[in-house]
Amino acid sequence: MLVRSDRRWSFPVPTDTVWDQMCAVDRYRSWWPWLRGLEAEALEPGETWSCAVQPPLPYALCFTVTMETVVPRRFVSATIAGDIAGSARLELITTEAGCDTRLVSLLEPGNRLLRAVATVARPMVRFGHDWVLDTGARQFALRLPDGRAI
């Protein structure tokens, strides 16, 4: 089961501000209570982050995110491996109102057990995925200088 995403969020602050917050990886755990584990040094090419995520479902996911390409204030592309596997790309787009972000990802279960679960519980898997993305974006917005939820 492939989970494709093409999500967009708008933030009413300059792109530089969004980027600076994205680079504050040491703060991620305090922003996102569903991020149960994170080992990450920086948002830089070649960095590999180890993550544990607990969506509001009866399972947690452990995976790595390897930063393939990082162009400051423009985009990040990464590969994901572990309980989920695939690729993701996050773009930052400067607008008159601030900064738009676009996340495009293609993910799939990375092990036999999760593939079996995804086969019989596709709506649950999609819900968990979407919940993490949308909740994460709202919680990120609260950490920006204007503190407005999106």
Protein backbone atom coordinates (compact mmCIF):
# COMPACT_ATOMS: atom_id res chain seq x y z
CA MET A 1 0.00 0.00 0.00
CA LEU A 2 1.49 3.31 -1.09
CA VAL A 3 0.55 6.49 0.75
CA ARG A 4 0.92 9.51 -1.49
CA SER A 5 0.69 12.99 -0.04
CA ASP A 6 0.72 16.42 -1.58
CA ARG A 7 -0.04 18.85 1.24
CA ARG A 8 0.24 22.61 1.47
CA TRP A 9 0.28 24.92 4.45
CA SER A 10 0.56 28.72 4.58
CA PHE A 11 2.34 30.58 7.35
CA PRO A 12 1.91 34.37 7.80
CA VAL A 13 5.61 34.97 8.43
CA PRO A 14 8.63 35.38 6.13
CA THR A 15 10.28 32.30 4.63
CA ASP A 16 13.45 33.04 6.65
CA THR A 17 11.43 32.71 9.86
CA VAL A 18 9.92 29.38 8.80
CA TRP A 19 13.35 28.09 7.79
CA ASP A 20 14.96 29.18 11.06
CA GLN A 21 12.29 27.32 13.03
CA MET A 22 12.69 24.23 10.82
CA CYS A 23 16.41 24.24 11.66
CA ALA A 24 15.71 24.22 15.42
CA VAL A 25 15.72 20.41 15.52
CA ASP A 26 16.60 20.45 19.22
CA ARG A 27 13.12 21.87 19.92
CA TYR A 28 11.07 19.36 17.93
CA ARG A 29 10.32 17.03 20.86
CA SER A 30 8.87 19.90 22.90
CA TRP A 31 6.67 21.01 19.99
CA TRP A 32 5.32 17.62 19.03
CA PRO A 33 4.29 15.35 21.94
CA TRP A 34 3.52 12.54 19.47
CA LEU A 35 7.23 12.54 18.49
CA ARG A 36 8.28 9.95 21.07
CA GLY A 37 11.92 9.83 20.05
CA LEU A 38 14.28 11.90 17.92
CA GLU A 39 17.99 11.73 17.42
CA ALA A 40 18.92 14.57 15.08
CA GLU A 41 21.83 16.98 14.92
CA ALA A 42 20.96 19.40 12.12
CA LEU A 43 18.96 19.99 8.97
CA GLU A 44 21.87 19.44 6.61
CA PRO A 45 22.67 17.20 3.63
CA GLY A 46 23.77 13.70 4.65
CA GLU A 47 22.29 13.91 8.15
CA THR A 48 20.26 10.90 9.26
CA TRP A 49 17.60 11.38 11.91
CA SER A 50 16.18 8.51 13.97
CA CYS A 51 12.51 9.02 14.76
CA ALA A 52 9.74 7.37 16.76
CA VAL A 53 6.23 8.63 16.07
CA GLN A 54 3.03 7.76 17.94
CA PRO A 55 -0.08 8.69 15.98
CA PRO A 56 -3.43 8.41 17.80
CA LEU A 57 -3.56 4.72 16.87
CA PRO A 58 -2.53 1.48 18.60
CA TYR A 59 0.93 1.42 17.04
CA ALA A 60 4.10 3.51 16.89
CA LEU A 61 6.47 3.87 13.96
CA CYS A 62 10.26 3.91 14.11
CA PHE A 63 12.19 5.10 11.07
CA THR A 64 15.12 7.13 9.82
CA VAL A 65 15.04 10.23 7.68
CA THR A 66 18.17 10.87 5.62
CA MET A 67 18.52 14.40 4.28
CA GLU A 68 19.54 13.99 0.65
CA THR A 69 19.38 17.58 -0.59
CA VAL A 70 19.03 20.70 1.52
CA VAL A 71 18.80 24.09 -0.16
CA PRO A 72 18.32 26.60 2.67
CA ARG A 73 15.05 28.52 2.52
CA ARG A 74 14.01 26.62 -0.64
CA PHE A 75 13.63 22.85 -0.21
CA VAL A 76 14.63 19.63 1.49
CA SER A 77 14.47 16.16 -0.02
CA ALA A 78 14.85 13.04 2.08
CA THR A 79 14.63 9.27 2.04
CA ILE A 80 12.80 7.40 4.77
CA ALA A 81 13.59 3.86 5.93
CA GLY A 82 12.34 1.60 8.70
CA ASP A 83 8.71 0.94 9.65
CA ILE A 84 7.85 3.30 6.79
CA ALA A 85 9.93 3.71 3.66
CA GLY A 86 9.99 6.08 0.73
CA SER A 87 10.79 9.66 -0.10
CA ALA A 88 9.65 13.15 0.77
CA ARG A 89 10.28 16.66 -0.48
CA LEU A 90 9.40 19.87 1.36
CA GLU A 91 9.39 23.13 -0.58
CA LEU A 92 9.23 26.64 0.85
CA ILE A 93 7.61 29.26 -1.36
CA THR A 94 7.78 32.98 -0.57
CA THR A 95 4.42 34.72 -0.99
CA GLU A 96 3.08 38.21 -0.33
CA ALA A 97 1.38 36.87 2.81
CA GLY A 98 4.46 35.03 4.10
CA CYS A 99 5.57 31.50 3.31
CA ASP A 100 3.75 28.58 1.76
CA THR A 101 5.07 25.08 2.23
CA ARG A 102 4.40 22.04 0.09
CA LEU A 103 5.16 18.51 1.23
CA VAL A 104 5.13 15.77 -1.39
CA SER A 105 5.80 12.25 -0.18
CA LEU A 106 5.46 8.67 -1.30
CA LEU A 107 5.60 6.20 1.57
CA GLU A 108 4.83 2.54 2.16
CA PRO A 109 5.01 0.14 5.08
CA GLY A 110 8.60 -0.97 5.55
CA ASN A 111 8.01 -4.37 7.10
CA ARG A 112 5.79 -7.40 6.64
CA LEU A 113 3.61 -6.80 9.71
CA LEU A 114 2.80 -3.21 8.77
CA ARG A 115 2.12 -4.22 5.16
CA ALA A 116 -0.44 -6.75 6.46
CA VAL A 117 -2.04 -4.14 8.73
CA ALA A 118 -2.14 -1.60 5.90
CA THR A 119 -3.81 -4.11 3.61
CA VAL A 120 -6.76 -4.66 5.95
CA ALA A 121 -6.86 -1.24 7.63
CA ARG A 122 -6.06 1.21 4.85
CA PRO A 123 -8.38 3.98 6.16
CA MET A 124 -6.76 3.74 9.61
CA VAL A 125 -3.26 3.99 8.11
CA ARG A 126 -4.28 7.01 6.03
CA PHE A 127 -5.90 8.65 9.05
CA GLY A 128 -2.73 8.21 11.13
CA HIS A 129 -0.53 9.58 8.36
CA ASP A 130 -2.74 12.61 7.72
CA TRP A 131 -3.17 13.26 11.45
CA VAL A 132 0.60 13.45 11.99
CA LEU A 133 1.09 15.83 9.04
CA ASP A 134 -1.80 18.18 9.80
CA THR A 135 -1.35 18.17 13.58
CA GLY A 136 2.38 18.73 13.11
CA ALA A 137 1.78 21.72 10.83
CA ARG A 138 -0.69 23.29 13.29
CA GLN A 139 1.70 22.76 16.21
CA PHE A 140 4.59 24.17 14.16
CA ALA A 141 2.55 27.31 13.38
CA LEU A 142 2.09 27.92 17.10
CA ARG A 143 5.89 28.13 17.48
CA LEU A 144 6.20 30.92 14.92
CA PRO A 145 6.52 34.53 16.13
CA ASP A 146 2.87 35.43 15.49
CA GLY A 147 1.73 32.18 17.16
CA ARG A 148 -1.37 31.77 15.01
CA ALA A 149 -2.67 28.33 14.25
CA ILE A 150 -3.25 27.50 10.59
